[in-house]
């Protein structure tokens, strides 16, 4: 813990294997404390938690609203 937040790595995993955190609950070097950060951190955490639970699982695709499939 650091400043009452979980320290996470690039996959949003804490020092406890299989425990992930994102948004206001997470911190890492050079993090910008903006609400928009949670919108990118949460899919990262979910995808890596899914792979942790089932290494053969397919991850959820994520892309911005500017993606050609949404036009």
C-alpha atoms as a PDB file:
ATOM      1  CA  UNK A   1       0.000   0.000   0.000  1.00  0.00           C
ATOM      2  CA  UNK A   2       1.082   3.527  -0.725  1.00  0.00           C
ATOM      3  CA  UNK A   3      -1.006   6.537   0.283  1.00  0.00           C
ATOM      4  CA  UNK A   4      -3.942   4.169   0.963  1.00  0.00           C
ATOM      5  CA  UNK A   5      -3.802   2.763  -2.589  1.00  0.00           C
ATOM      6  CA  UNK A   6      -2.658  -0.588  -3.945  1.00  0.00           C
ATOM      7  CA  UNK A   7       0.648  -0.477  -5.797  1.00  0.00           C
ATOM      8  CA  UNK A   8       0.172  -2.270  -9.129  1.00  0.00           C
ATOM      9  CA  UNK A   9       2.355  -3.294 -12.053  1.00  0.00           C
ATOM     10  CA  UNK A  10       1.641  -2.794 -15.780  1.00  0.00           C
ATOM     11  CA  UNK A  11      -1.048  -5.505 -15.706  1.00  0.00           C
ATOM     12  CA  UNK A  12      -2.769  -3.845 -12.710  1.00  0.00           C
ATOM     13  CA  UNK A  13      -1.750  -6.774 -10.466  1.00  0.00           C
ATOM     14  CA  UNK A  14      -0.892  -6.054  -6.844  1.00  0.00           C
ATOM     15  CA  UNK A  15       1.878  -7.765  -4.889  1.00  0.00           C
ATOM     16  CA  UNK A  16      -0.671 -10.482  -4.058  1.00  0.00           C
ATOM     17  CA  UNK A  17      -0.845 -12.899  -7.001  1.00  0.00           C
ATOM     18  CA  UNK A  18      -4.291 -12.830  -8.601  1.00  0.00           C
ATOM     19  CA  UNK A  19      -5.365  -9.589  -6.918  1.00  0.00           C
ATOM     20  CA  UNK A  20      -5.832  -6.692  -9.332  1.00  0.00           C
ATOM     21  CA  UNK A  21      -6.718  -3.045  -8.735  1.00  0.00           C
ATOM     22  CA  UNK A  22      -7.573  -0.076 -10.949  1.00  0.00           C
ATOM     23  CA  UNK A  23      -8.806   3.486 -10.814  1.00  0.00           C
ATOM     24  CA  UNK A  24      -8.770   5.257  -7.457  1.00  0.00           C
ATOM     25  CA  UNK A  25      -7.735   2.027  -5.694  1.00  0.00           C
ATOM     26  CA  UNK A  26      -4.467   1.741  -7.636  1.00  0.00           C
ATOM     27  CA  UNK A  27      -1.201   3.610  -7.871  1.00  0.00           C
ATOM     28  CA  UNK A  28       1.971   3.189  -9.907  1.00  0.00           C
ATOM     29  CA  UNK A  29       4.923   5.408 -10.850  1.00  0.00           C
ATOM     30  CA  UNK A  30       3.932   8.566 -12.746  1.00  0.00           C
ATOM     31  CA  UNK A  31       0.194   7.862 -12.535  1.00  0.00           C
ATOM     32  CA  UNK A  32      -2.008  10.813 -13.394  1.00  0.00           C
ATOM     33  CA  UNK A  33      -4.875  10.934 -10.921  1.00  0.00           C
ATOM     34  CA  UNK A  34      -7.594  11.584 -13.478  1.00  0.00           C
ATOM     35  CA  UNK A  35     -10.940   9.789 -13.649  1.00  0.00           C
ATOM     36  CA  UNK A  36     -10.301   8.949 -17.283  1.00  0.00           C
ATOM     37  CA  UNK A  37      -7.388   6.744 -16.167  1.00  0.00           C
ATOM     38  CA  UNK A  38      -9.865   4.241 -14.744  1.00  0.00           C
ATOM     39  CA  UNK A  39     -11.391   3.810 -18.188  1.00  0.00           C
ATOM     40  CA  UNK A  40      -8.121   2.416 -19.479  1.00  0.00           C
ATOM     41  CA  UNK A  41      -6.963   0.658 -16.310  1.00  0.00           C
ATOM     42  CA  UNK A  42     -10.142  -1.356 -15.747  1.00  0.00           C
ATOM     43  CA  UNK A  43     -10.079  -3.276 -19.053  1.00  0.00           C
ATOM     44  CA  UNK A  44      -6.386  -4.015 -18.476  1.00  0.00           C
ATOM     45  CA  UNK A  45      -7.143  -5.365 -14.992  1.00  0.00           C
ATOM     46  CA  UNK A  46     -10.149  -7.413 -16.162  1.00  0.00           C
ATOM     47  CA  UNK A  47      -8.271  -8.972 -19.081  1.00  0.00           C
ATOM     48  CA  UNK A  48      -5.296  -9.941 -16.940  1.00  0.00           C
ATOM     49  CA  UNK A  49      -7.499 -11.255 -14.121  1.00  0.00           C
ATOM     50  CA  UNK A  50      -9.341 -13.389 -16.682  1.00  0.00           C
ATOM     51  CA  UNK A  51      -6.038 -14.772 -18.003  1.00  0.00           C
ATOM     52  CA  UNK A  52      -4.856 -15.386 -14.428  1.00  0.00           C
ATOM     53  CA  UNK A  53      -7.951 -17.480 -13.702  1.00  0.00           C
ATOM     54  CA  UNK A  54      -7.888 -19.266 -17.057  1.00  0.00           C
ATOM     55  CA  UNK A  55      -4.634 -19.013 -19.035  1.00  0.00           C
ATOM     56  CA  UNK A  56      -6.437 -20.321 -22.143  1.00  0.00           C
ATOM     57  CA  UNK A  57      -9.168 -17.675 -22.019  1.00  0.00           C
ATOM     58  CA  UNK A  58      -9.464 -15.123 -24.785  1.00  0.00           C
ATOM     59  CA  UNK A  59      -9.155 -11.547 -23.677  1.00  0.00           C
ATOM     60  CA  UNK A  60     -11.806  -8.949 -24.362  1.00  0.00           C
ATOM     61  CA  UNK A  61     -10.967  -6.654 -27.252  1.00  0.00           C
ATOM     62  CA  UNK A  62     -10.847  -2.969 -26.435  1.00  0.00           C
ATOM     63  CA  UNK A  63     -10.700  -0.057 -28.819  1.00  0.00           C
ATOM     64  CA  UNK A  64     -11.633   3.588 -28.923  1.00  0.00           C
ATOM     65  CA  UNK A  65     -14.900   4.972 -30.290  1.00  0.00           C
ATOM     66  CA  UNK A  66     -12.948   6.137 -33.312  1.00  0.00           C
ATOM     67  CA  UNK A  67     -12.479   2.544 -34.458  1.00  0.00           C
ATOM     68  CA  UNK A  68     -13.704   1.892 -38.017  1.00  0.00           C
ATOM     69  CA  UNK A  69     -15.998  -0.985 -36.937  1.00  0.00           C
ATOM     70  CA  UNK A  70     -18.117   1.503 -34.977  1.00  0.00           C
ATOM     71  CA  UNK A  71     -18.759   3.848 -37.874  1.00  0.00           C
END
